[in-house]
């Protein structure tokens, strides 16, 4: 398990934090989630965890849905200027802890086939490809991009 840098904290996010989440989402994704996606997820009680730095600024977040005995990672993002510094590891560690606390048997996710950085992080954690979803994500020029479906047993 990774150690939080001094002054950093993991914290639950609520409706009052949606603007901060959206700022990261719109910065790092060509096809970001909408405000409605986040507010609906919060209304449904999904887990949304943020990572704040020593100044209290939101560095990243994940959003996950518990379904029976499986956690579905719906979204994870790190602000562009902080990518490549291990912050996704801190969020993934928290996701795994949340999943174990809720007695989940596994974690499921989808990732764009071209998102090599995320795929490397997920493989590092022990996720394995279990399938593909054709034309799952919107892409440039009104096209669609496939998703890799990955699962990790806990």
N, C-alpha and C. Protein backbone atom coordinates (compact mmCIF):
# COMPACT_ATOMS: atom_id res chain seq x y z
N UNK A 1 0.83 -1.18 0.00
CA UNK A 1 0.00 0.00 0.00
C UNK A 1 0.88 1.25 0.00
N UNK A 2 0.53 2.22 -0.81
CA UNK A 2 1.29 3.46 -0.92
C UNK A 2 1.07 4.34 0.30
N UNK A 3 2.06 5.17 0.57
CA UNK A 3 1.98 6.10 1.68
C UNK A 3 1.64 7.48 1.13
N UNK A 4 0.67 8.12 1.75
CA UNK A 4 0.31 9.47 1.34
C UNK A 4 1.46 10.43 1.62
N UNK A 5 1.78 11.31 0.67
CA UNK A 5 2.80 12.33 0.95
C UNK A 5 2.32 13.23 2.08
N UNK A 6 3.25 13.85 2.81
CA UNK A 6 2.86 14.75 3.90
C UNK A 6 1.89 15.83 3.41
N UNK A 7 0.82 16.02 4.17
CA UNK A 7 -0.17 17.03 3.84
C UNK A 7 -1.25 16.58 2.88
N UNK A 8 -1.08 15.45 2.21
CA UNK A 8 -2.10 14.94 1.28
C UNK A 8 -3.14 14.18 2.07
N UNK A 9 -4.37 14.17 1.55
CA UNK A 9 -5.42 13.40 2.20
C UNK A 9 -6.40 12.84 1.19
N UNK A 10 -6.91 11.66 1.50
CA UNK A 10 -8.00 11.05 0.75
C UNK A 10 -9.29 11.45 1.47
N UNK A 11 -10.31 11.82 0.72
CA UNK A 11 -11.54 12.30 1.36
C UNK A 11 -12.75 12.01 0.49
N UNK A 12 -13.90 11.78 1.12
CA UNK A 12 -15.12 11.62 0.33
C UNK A 12 -15.48 12.94 -0.33
N UNK A 13 -16.04 12.86 -1.52
CA UNK A 13 -16.49 14.05 -2.24
C UNK A 13 -18.01 14.05 -2.28
N UNK A 14 -18.59 15.25 -2.27
CA UNK A 14 -20.03 15.42 -2.25
C UNK A 14 -20.45 16.37 -3.37
N UNK A 15 -21.74 16.69 -3.40
CA UNK A 15 -22.24 17.62 -4.41
C UNK A 15 -21.50 18.95 -4.41
N UNK A 16 -21.07 19.41 -3.27
CA UNK A 16 -20.37 20.69 -3.20
C UNK A 16 -19.01 20.66 -3.90
N UNK A 17 -18.51 19.47 -4.22
CA UNK A 17 -17.21 19.34 -4.87
C UNK A 17 -17.31 19.07 -6.38
N UNK A 18 -18.52 19.00 -6.91
CA UNK A 18 -18.70 18.62 -8.32
C UNK A 18 -17.98 19.58 -9.26
N UNK A 19 -17.98 20.87 -8.98
CA UNK A 19 -17.28 21.81 -9.85
C UNK A 19 -15.79 21.50 -9.94
N UNK A 20 -15.18 21.13 -8.83
CA UNK A 20 -13.76 20.78 -8.82
C UNK A 20 -13.51 19.49 -9.61
N UNK A 21 -14.40 18.53 -9.45
CA UNK A 21 -14.29 17.27 -10.19
C UNK A 21 -14.44 17.54 -11.68
N UNK A 22 -15.44 18.35 -12.04
CA UNK A 22 -15.66 18.67 -13.46
C UNK A 22 -14.47 19.38 -14.07
N UNK A 23 -13.80 20.24 -13.32
CA UNK A 23 -12.64 20.94 -13.84
C UNK A 23 -11.54 19.95 -14.26
N UNK A 24 -11.31 18.94 -13.44
CA UNK A 24 -10.32 17.91 -13.79
C UNK A 24 -10.84 17.09 -14.97
N UNK A 25 -12.07 16.66 -14.89
CA UNK A 25 -12.69 15.83 -15.93
C UNK A 25 -12.57 16.49 -17.30
N UNK A 26 -12.89 17.78 -17.37
CA UNK A 26 -12.86 18.49 -18.65
C UNK A 26 -11.43 18.75 -19.11
N UNK A 27 -10.51 18.81 -18.18
CA UNK A 27 -9.11 19.04 -18.52
C UNK A 27 -8.46 17.80 -19.13
N UNK A 28 -8.82 16.62 -18.64
CA UNK A 28 -8.07 15.43 -19.02
C UNK A 28 -8.78 14.50 -20.00
N UNK A 29 -10.06 14.68 -20.22
CA UNK A 29 -10.79 13.80 -21.13
C UNK A 29 -11.35 14.55 -22.32
N UNK A 30 -11.18 13.99 -23.51
CA UNK A 30 -11.75 14.59 -24.72
C UNK A 30 -13.28 14.50 -24.70
N UNK A 31 -13.81 13.50 -24.02
CA UNK A 31 -15.25 13.29 -23.91
C UNK A 31 -15.60 13.13 -22.43
N UNK A 32 -15.59 14.26 -21.69
CA UNK A 32 -15.78 14.19 -20.24
C UNK A 32 -17.20 13.85 -19.84
N UNK A 33 -17.31 13.33 -18.63
CA UNK A 33 -18.63 13.14 -18.02
C UNK A 33 -19.27 14.51 -17.83
N UNK A 34 -20.58 14.52 -17.77
CA UNK A 34 -21.32 15.76 -17.55
C UNK A 34 -21.56 15.96 -16.05
N UNK A 35 -21.98 17.16 -15.70
CA UNK A 35 -22.39 17.44 -14.32
C UNK A 35 -23.47 16.44 -13.89
N UNK A 36 -24.42 16.19 -14.78
CA UNK A 36 -25.50 15.25 -14.48
C UNK A 36 -24.99 13.85 -14.18
N UNK A 37 -23.96 13.40 -14.90
CA UNK A 37 -23.38 12.08 -14.62
C UNK A 37 -22.89 12.00 -13.18
N UNK A 38 -22.21 13.06 -12.73
CA UNK A 38 -21.68 13.05 -11.37
C UNK A 38 -22.77 13.24 -10.33
N UNK A 39 -23.70 14.16 -10.55
CA UNK A 39 -24.75 14.38 -9.55
C UNK A 39 -25.65 13.16 -9.45
N UNK A 40 -25.95 12.51 -10.57
CA UNK A 40 -26.75 11.29 -10.53
C UNK A 40 -26.03 10.18 -9.77
N UNK A 41 -24.72 10.06 -10.00
CA UNK A 41 -23.94 9.03 -9.31
C UNK A 41 -23.92 9.28 -7.81
N UNK A 42 -23.76 10.53 -7.42
CA UNK A 42 -23.80 10.86 -6.00
C UNK A 42 -25.19 10.59 -5.40
N UNK A 43 -26.23 10.92 -6.15
CA UNK A 43 -27.60 10.67 -5.69
C UNK A 43 -27.86 9.18 -5.49
N UNK A 44 -27.21 8.35 -6.29
CA UNK A 44 -27.36 6.90 -6.18
C UNK A 44 -26.52 6.31 -5.05
N UNK A 45 -25.67 7.15 -4.45
CA UNK A 45 -24.86 6.67 -3.34
C UNK A 45 -23.56 6.02 -3.74
N UNK A 46 -23.11 6.23 -4.97
CA UNK A 46 -21.84 5.67 -5.41
C UNK A 46 -20.70 6.30 -4.63
N UNK A 47 -19.62 5.56 -4.50
CA UNK A 47 -18.44 6.04 -3.78
C UNK A 47 -17.66 6.99 -4.68
N UNK A 48 -17.42 8.20 -4.20
CA UNK A 48 -16.56 9.14 -4.91
C UNK A 48 -15.54 9.65 -3.92
N UNK A 49 -14.28 9.34 -4.20
CA UNK A 49 -13.19 9.65 -3.29
C UNK A 49 -12.23 10.59 -3.98
N UNK A 50 -11.82 11.63 -3.27
CA UNK A 50 -10.87 12.59 -3.81
C UNK A 50 -9.53 12.50 -3.12
N UNK A 51 -8.52 12.99 -3.81
CA UNK A 51 -7.18 13.12 -3.27
C UNK A 51 -6.84 14.61 -3.29
N UNK A 52 -6.57 15.17 -2.11
CA UNK A 52 -6.23 16.59 -1.99
C UNK A 52 -4.77 16.74 -1.60
N UNK A 53 -4.14 17.79 -2.14
CA UNK A 53 -2.73 18.04 -1.81
C UNK A 53 -2.61 18.88 -0.54
N UNK A 54 -1.40 19.26 -0.21
CA UNK A 54 -1.14 20.00 1.03
C UNK A 54 -1.82 21.37 1.04
N UNK A 55 -2.20 21.90 -0.12
CA UNK A 55 -2.92 23.18 -0.19
C UNK A 55 -4.44 22.99 -0.21
N UNK A 56 -4.87 21.73 -0.18
CA UNK A 56 -6.30 21.43 -0.22
C UNK A 56 -6.86 21.35 -1.62
N UNK A 57 -6.00 21.44 -2.64
CA UNK A 57 -6.47 21.36 -4.03
C UNK A 57 -6.72 19.91 -4.42
N UNK A 58 -7.77 19.70 -5.19
CA UNK A 58 -8.11 18.37 -5.66
C UNK A 58 -7.12 17.94 -6.74
N UNK A 59 -6.43 16.85 -6.50
CA UNK A 59 -5.43 16.30 -7.41
C UNK A 59 -6.08 15.26 -8.33
N UNK A 60 -7.04 14.52 -7.79
CA UNK A 60 -7.69 13.46 -8.56
C UNK A 60 -8.84 12.86 -7.78
N UNK A 61 -9.50 11.91 -8.41
CA UNK A 61 -10.66 11.28 -7.79
C UNK A 61 -10.94 9.95 -8.48
N UNK A 62 -11.74 9.13 -7.79
CA UNK A 62 -12.34 7.98 -8.45
C UNK A 62 -13.80 7.91 -8.06
N UNK A 63 -14.57 7.28 -8.91
CA UNK A 63 -15.99 7.06 -8.67
C UNK A 63 -16.25 5.58 -8.93
N UNK A 64 -16.87 4.91 -7.96
CA UNK A 64 -17.09 3.48 -8.06
C UNK A 64 -18.49 3.12 -7.58
N UNK A 65 -19.00 2.04 -8.13
CA UNK A 65 -20.34 1.56 -7.83
C UNK A 65 -20.24 0.13 -7.30
N UNK A 66 -20.81 -0.10 -6.12
CA UNK A 66 -20.87 -1.44 -5.55
C UNK A 66 -22.12 -2.13 -6.06
N UNK A 67 -21.94 -3.29 -6.70
CA UNK A 67 -23.06 -4.07 -7.22
C UNK A 67 -22.90 -5.49 -6.67
N UNK A 68 -23.76 -5.85 -5.75
CA UNK A 68 -23.76 -7.14 -5.08
C UNK A 68 -22.36 -7.38 -4.48
N UNK A 69 -21.54 -8.23 -5.11
CA UNK A 69 -20.21 -8.53 -4.55
C UNK A 69 -19.08 -8.05 -5.45
N UNK A 70 -19.36 -7.06 -6.28
CA UNK A 70 -18.35 -6.55 -7.19
C UNK A 70 -18.38 -5.02 -7.19
N UNK A 71 -17.21 -4.40 -7.23
CA UNK A 71 -17.11 -2.96 -7.37
C UNK A 71 -16.78 -2.66 -8.82
N UNK A 72 -17.54 -1.73 -9.40
CA UNK A 72 -17.32 -1.31 -10.78
C UNK A 72 -16.69 0.08 -10.74
N UNK A 73 -15.43 0.18 -11.15
CA UNK A 73 -14.76 1.47 -11.24
C UNK A 73 -15.32 2.19 -12.46
N UNK A 74 -16.01 3.29 -12.23
CA UNK A 74 -16.66 4.02 -13.31
C UNK A 74 -15.79 5.14 -13.86
N UNK A 75 -14.98 5.74 -13.01
CA UNK A 75 -14.21 6.90 -13.45
C UNK A 75 -13.04 7.10 -12.50
N UNK A 76 -11.90 7.45 -13.07
CA UNK A 76 -10.72 7.80 -12.29
C UNK A 76 -9.95 8.82 -13.09
N UNK A 77 -9.54 9.90 -12.45
CA UNK A 77 -8.78 10.93 -13.16
C UNK A 77 -7.83 11.64 -12.21
N UNK A 78 -6.69 12.02 -12.76
CA UNK A 78 -5.69 12.83 -12.08
C UNK A 78 -5.51 14.09 -12.92
N UNK A 79 -5.46 15.25 -12.27
CA UNK A 79 -5.27 16.49 -13.00
C UNK A 79 -4.01 16.41 -13.87
N UNK A 80 -4.05 17.01 -15.04
CA UNK A 80 -3.00 16.85 -16.05
C UNK A 80 -1.60 17.15 -15.50
N UNK A 81 -1.46 18.21 -14.73
CA UNK A 81 -0.15 18.61 -14.25
C UNK A 81 0.43 17.66 -13.20
N UNK A 82 -0.39 16.78 -12.67
CA UNK A 82 0.05 15.86 -11.62
C UNK A 82 0.14 14.41 -12.12
N UNK A 83 -0.14 14.17 -13.39
CA UNK A 83 -0.07 12.80 -13.91
C UNK A 83 1.39 12.34 -13.97
N UNK A 84 1.57 11.04 -13.79
CA UNK A 84 2.90 10.47 -13.85
C UNK A 84 3.70 10.57 -12.56
N UNK A 85 3.05 10.95 -11.46
CA UNK A 85 3.74 11.09 -10.18
C UNK A 85 3.25 10.10 -9.13
N UNK A 86 2.51 9.08 -9.56
CA UNK A 86 2.08 8.04 -8.63
C UNK A 86 0.78 8.31 -7.90
N UNK A 87 0.08 9.39 -8.25
CA UNK A 87 -1.15 9.71 -7.53
C UNK A 87 -2.27 8.72 -7.84
N UNK A 88 -2.27 8.15 -9.04
CA UNK A 88 -3.30 7.15 -9.34
C UNK A 88 -3.13 5.93 -8.44
N UNK A 89 -1.90 5.64 -8.04
CA UNK A 89 -1.65 4.53 -7.13
C UNK A 89 -2.32 4.76 -5.79
N UNK A 90 -2.27 5.99 -5.30
CA UNK A 90 -2.93 6.31 -4.03
C UNK A 90 -4.44 6.08 -4.12
N UNK A 91 -5.02 6.50 -5.25
CA UNK A 91 -6.46 6.30 -5.44
C UNK A 91 -6.79 4.83 -5.64
N UNK A 92 -5.96 4.12 -6.37
CA UNK A 92 -6.21 2.69 -6.58
C UNK A 92 -6.10 1.93 -5.26
N UNK A 93 -5.14 2.29 -4.42
CA UNK A 93 -5.04 1.65 -3.11
C UNK A 93 -6.32 1.87 -2.31
N UNK A 94 -6.84 3.09 -2.36
CA UNK A 94 -8.09 3.39 -1.63
C UNK A 94 -9.26 2.62 -2.22
N UNK A 95 -9.32 2.52 -3.56
CA UNK A 95 -10.37 1.75 -4.22
C UNK A 95 -10.33 0.29 -3.76
N UNK A 96 -9.14 -0.29 -3.71
CA UNK A 96 -9.01 -1.68 -3.26
C UNK A 96 -9.45 -1.83 -1.81
N UNK A 97 -9.06 -0.88 -0.96
CA UNK A 97 -9.47 -0.93 0.45
C UNK A 97 -10.99 -0.81 0.56
N UNK A 98 -11.58 0.13 -0.17
CA UNK A 98 -13.04 0.29 -0.17
C UNK A 98 -13.71 -1.01 -0.60
N UNK A 99 -13.18 -1.65 -1.63
CA UNK A 99 -13.77 -2.89 -2.15
C UNK A 99 -13.70 -4.00 -1.10
N UNK A 100 -12.57 -4.12 -0.44
CA UNK A 100 -12.43 -5.14 0.60
C UNK A 100 -13.33 -4.84 1.80
N UNK A 101 -13.41 -3.57 2.19
CA UNK A 101 -14.29 -3.18 3.30
C UNK A 101 -15.74 -3.57 3.02
N UNK A 102 -16.12 -3.56 1.76
CA UNK A 102 -17.49 -3.88 1.36
C UNK A 102 -17.64 -5.33 0.91
N UNK A 103 -16.63 -6.14 1.23
CA UNK A 103 -16.67 -7.59 0.98
C UNK A 103 -16.85 -7.94 -0.50
N UNK A 104 -16.33 -7.08 -1.39
CA UNK A 104 -16.40 -7.36 -2.83
C UNK A 104 -15.43 -8.48 -3.17
N UNK A 105 -15.83 -9.30 -4.11
CA UNK A 105 -14.98 -10.40 -4.57
C UNK A 105 -14.05 -9.95 -5.70
N UNK A 106 -14.43 -8.86 -6.37
CA UNK A 106 -13.63 -8.40 -7.50
C UNK A 106 -13.93 -6.94 -7.81
N UNK A 107 -13.07 -6.36 -8.66
CA UNK A 107 -13.27 -5.01 -9.19
C UNK A 107 -13.29 -5.13 -10.70
N UNK A 108 -14.25 -4.48 -11.33
CA UNK A 108 -14.43 -4.49 -12.78
C UNK A 108 -14.26 -3.07 -13.30
N UNK A 109 -13.72 -2.93 -14.50
CA UNK A 109 -13.61 -1.62 -15.13
C UNK A 109 -13.55 -1.77 -16.64
N UNK A 110 -13.81 -0.65 -17.32
CA UNK A 110 -13.57 -0.54 -18.76
C UNK A 110 -12.55 0.57 -18.95
N UNK A 111 -11.69 0.39 -19.95
CA UNK A 111 -10.68 1.39 -20.26
C UNK A 111 -10.53 1.46 -21.78
N UNK A 112 -10.33 2.68 -22.29
CA UNK A 112 -10.13 2.86 -23.73
C UNK A 112 -8.92 2.04 -24.18
N UNK A 113 -9.04 1.41 -25.34
CA UNK A 113 -7.94 0.58 -25.85
C UNK A 113 -6.66 1.39 -26.05
N UNK A 114 -6.76 2.69 -26.26
CA UNK A 114 -5.58 3.52 -26.49
C UNK A 114 -5.05 4.19 -25.22
N UNK A 115 -5.65 3.94 -24.07
CA UNK A 115 -5.21 4.57 -22.83
C UNK A 115 -4.14 3.71 -22.17
N UNK A 116 -2.96 3.73 -22.78
CA UNK A 116 -1.87 2.85 -22.34
C UNK A 116 -1.42 3.12 -20.91
N UNK A 117 -1.40 4.37 -20.50
CA UNK A 117 -0.97 4.69 -19.13
C UNK A 117 -1.91 4.03 -18.12
N UNK A 118 -3.21 4.16 -18.32
CA UNK A 118 -4.16 3.56 -17.39
C UNK A 118 -4.07 2.03 -17.44
N UNK A 119 -3.93 1.47 -18.62
CA UNK A 119 -3.83 0.02 -18.75
C UNK A 119 -2.63 -0.50 -17.96
N UNK A 120 -1.52 0.22 -18.01
CA UNK A 120 -0.33 -0.18 -17.25
C UNK A 120 -0.60 -0.15 -15.75
N UNK A 121 -1.27 0.89 -15.28
CA UNK A 121 -1.60 0.99 -13.86
C UNK A 121 -2.49 -0.19 -13.46
N UNK A 122 -3.52 -0.46 -14.24
CA UNK A 122 -4.44 -1.54 -13.91
C UNK A 122 -3.74 -2.90 -13.92
N UNK A 123 -2.89 -3.14 -14.90
CA UNK A 123 -2.15 -4.42 -14.94
C UNK A 123 -1.23 -4.54 -13.74
N UNK A 124 -0.62 -3.45 -13.34
CA UNK A 124 0.25 -3.45 -12.15
C UNK A 124 -0.54 -3.93 -10.92
N UNK A 125 -1.80 -3.58 -10.85
CA UNK A 125 -2.64 -3.98 -9.72
C UNK A 125 -3.15 -5.41 -9.85
N UNK A 126 -2.95 -6.03 -10.98
CA UNK A 126 -3.41 -7.40 -11.15
C UNK A 126 -4.69 -7.54 -11.95
N UNK A 127 -5.13 -6.47 -12.59
CA UNK A 127 -6.30 -6.57 -13.47
C UNK A 127 -5.91 -7.34 -14.72
N UNK A 128 -6.82 -8.15 -15.19
CA UNK A 128 -6.62 -8.92 -16.42
C UNK A 128 -7.77 -8.62 -17.38
N UNK A 129 -7.45 -8.62 -18.65
CA UNK A 129 -8.48 -8.40 -19.67
C UNK A 129 -9.40 -9.60 -19.70
N UNK A 130 -10.72 -9.31 -19.65
CA UNK A 130 -11.70 -10.40 -19.72
C UNK A 130 -12.61 -10.26 -20.93
N UNK A 131 -12.46 -9.17 -21.68
CA UNK A 131 -13.30 -8.98 -22.86
C UNK A 131 -13.10 -7.61 -23.46
N UNK A 132 -13.88 -7.37 -24.50
CA UNK A 132 -13.86 -6.07 -25.20
C UNK A 132 -15.30 -5.63 -25.43
N UNK A 133 -15.50 -4.34 -25.39
CA UNK A 133 -16.79 -3.75 -25.75
C UNK A 133 -16.53 -2.93 -27.00
N UNK A 134 -17.11 -3.38 -28.10
CA UNK A 134 -16.91 -2.70 -29.39
C UNK A 134 -17.63 -1.36 -29.39
N UNK A 135 -16.94 -0.35 -29.90
CA UNK A 135 -17.51 0.99 -30.08
C UNK A 135 -18.15 1.53 -28.79
N UNK A 136 -17.50 1.31 -27.68
CA UNK A 136 -18.05 1.65 -26.35
C UNK A 136 -17.96 3.14 -26.05
N UNK A 137 -16.85 3.75 -26.39
CA UNK A 137 -16.60 5.16 -26.06
C UNK A 137 -16.75 6.06 -27.28
N UNK A 138 -17.26 7.28 -27.08
CA UNK A 138 -17.23 8.25 -28.17
C UNK A 138 -15.78 8.65 -28.44
N UNK A 139 -15.48 8.91 -29.71
CA UNK A 139 -14.12 9.29 -30.10
C UNK A 139 -14.19 10.46 -31.07
N UNK A 140 -13.05 10.81 -31.64
CA UNK A 140 -12.97 11.95 -32.55
C UNK A 140 -13.79 11.70 -33.82
N UNK A 141 -14.20 12.81 -34.42
CA UNK A 141 -14.88 12.79 -35.72
C UNK A 141 -16.10 11.87 -35.76
N UNK A 142 -16.89 11.89 -34.69
CA UNK A 142 -18.11 11.07 -34.63
C UNK A 142 -17.85 9.58 -34.78
N UNK A 143 -16.68 9.13 -34.34
CA UNK A 143 -16.37 7.71 -34.37
C UNK A 143 -16.51 7.15 -32.95
N UNK A 144 -16.27 5.87 -32.80
CA UNK A 144 -16.35 5.21 -31.51
C UNK A 144 -15.06 4.44 -31.28
N UNK A 145 -14.71 4.25 -30.01
CA UNK A 145 -13.50 3.52 -29.64
C UNK A 145 -13.88 2.34 -28.78
N UNK A 146 -13.19 1.22 -28.98
CA UNK A 146 -13.43 0.02 -28.18
C UNK A 146 -12.94 0.21 -26.75
N UNK A 147 -13.53 -0.57 -25.86
CA UNK A 147 -13.09 -0.62 -24.47
C UNK A 147 -12.54 -2.00 -24.17
N UNK A 148 -11.52 -2.03 -23.36
CA UNK A 148 -11.03 -3.28 -22.79
C UNK A 148 -11.75 -3.43 -21.45
N UNK A 149 -12.36 -4.58 -21.22
CA UNK A 149 -12.98 -4.88 -19.93
C UNK A 149 -11.96 -5.64 -19.10
N UNK A 150 -11.71 -5.15 -17.89
CA UNK A 150 -10.71 -5.78 -17.03
C UNK A 150 -11.34 -6.09 -15.67
N UNK A 151 -10.83 -7.13 -15.05
CA UNK A 151 -11.30 -7.53 -13.72
C UNK A 151 -10.11 -7.94 -12.87
N UNK A 152 -10.24 -7.64 -11.59
CA UNK A 152 -9.25 -8.08 -10.62
C UNK A 152 -9.97 -8.78 -9.48
N UNK A 153 -9.57 -10.00 -9.20
CA UNK A 153 -10.14 -10.71 -8.06
C UNK A 153 -9.47 -10.20 -6.78
N UNK A 154 -10.27 -10.10 -5.72
CA UNK A 154 -9.72 -9.63 -4.43
C UNK A 154 -9.45 -10.81 -3.51
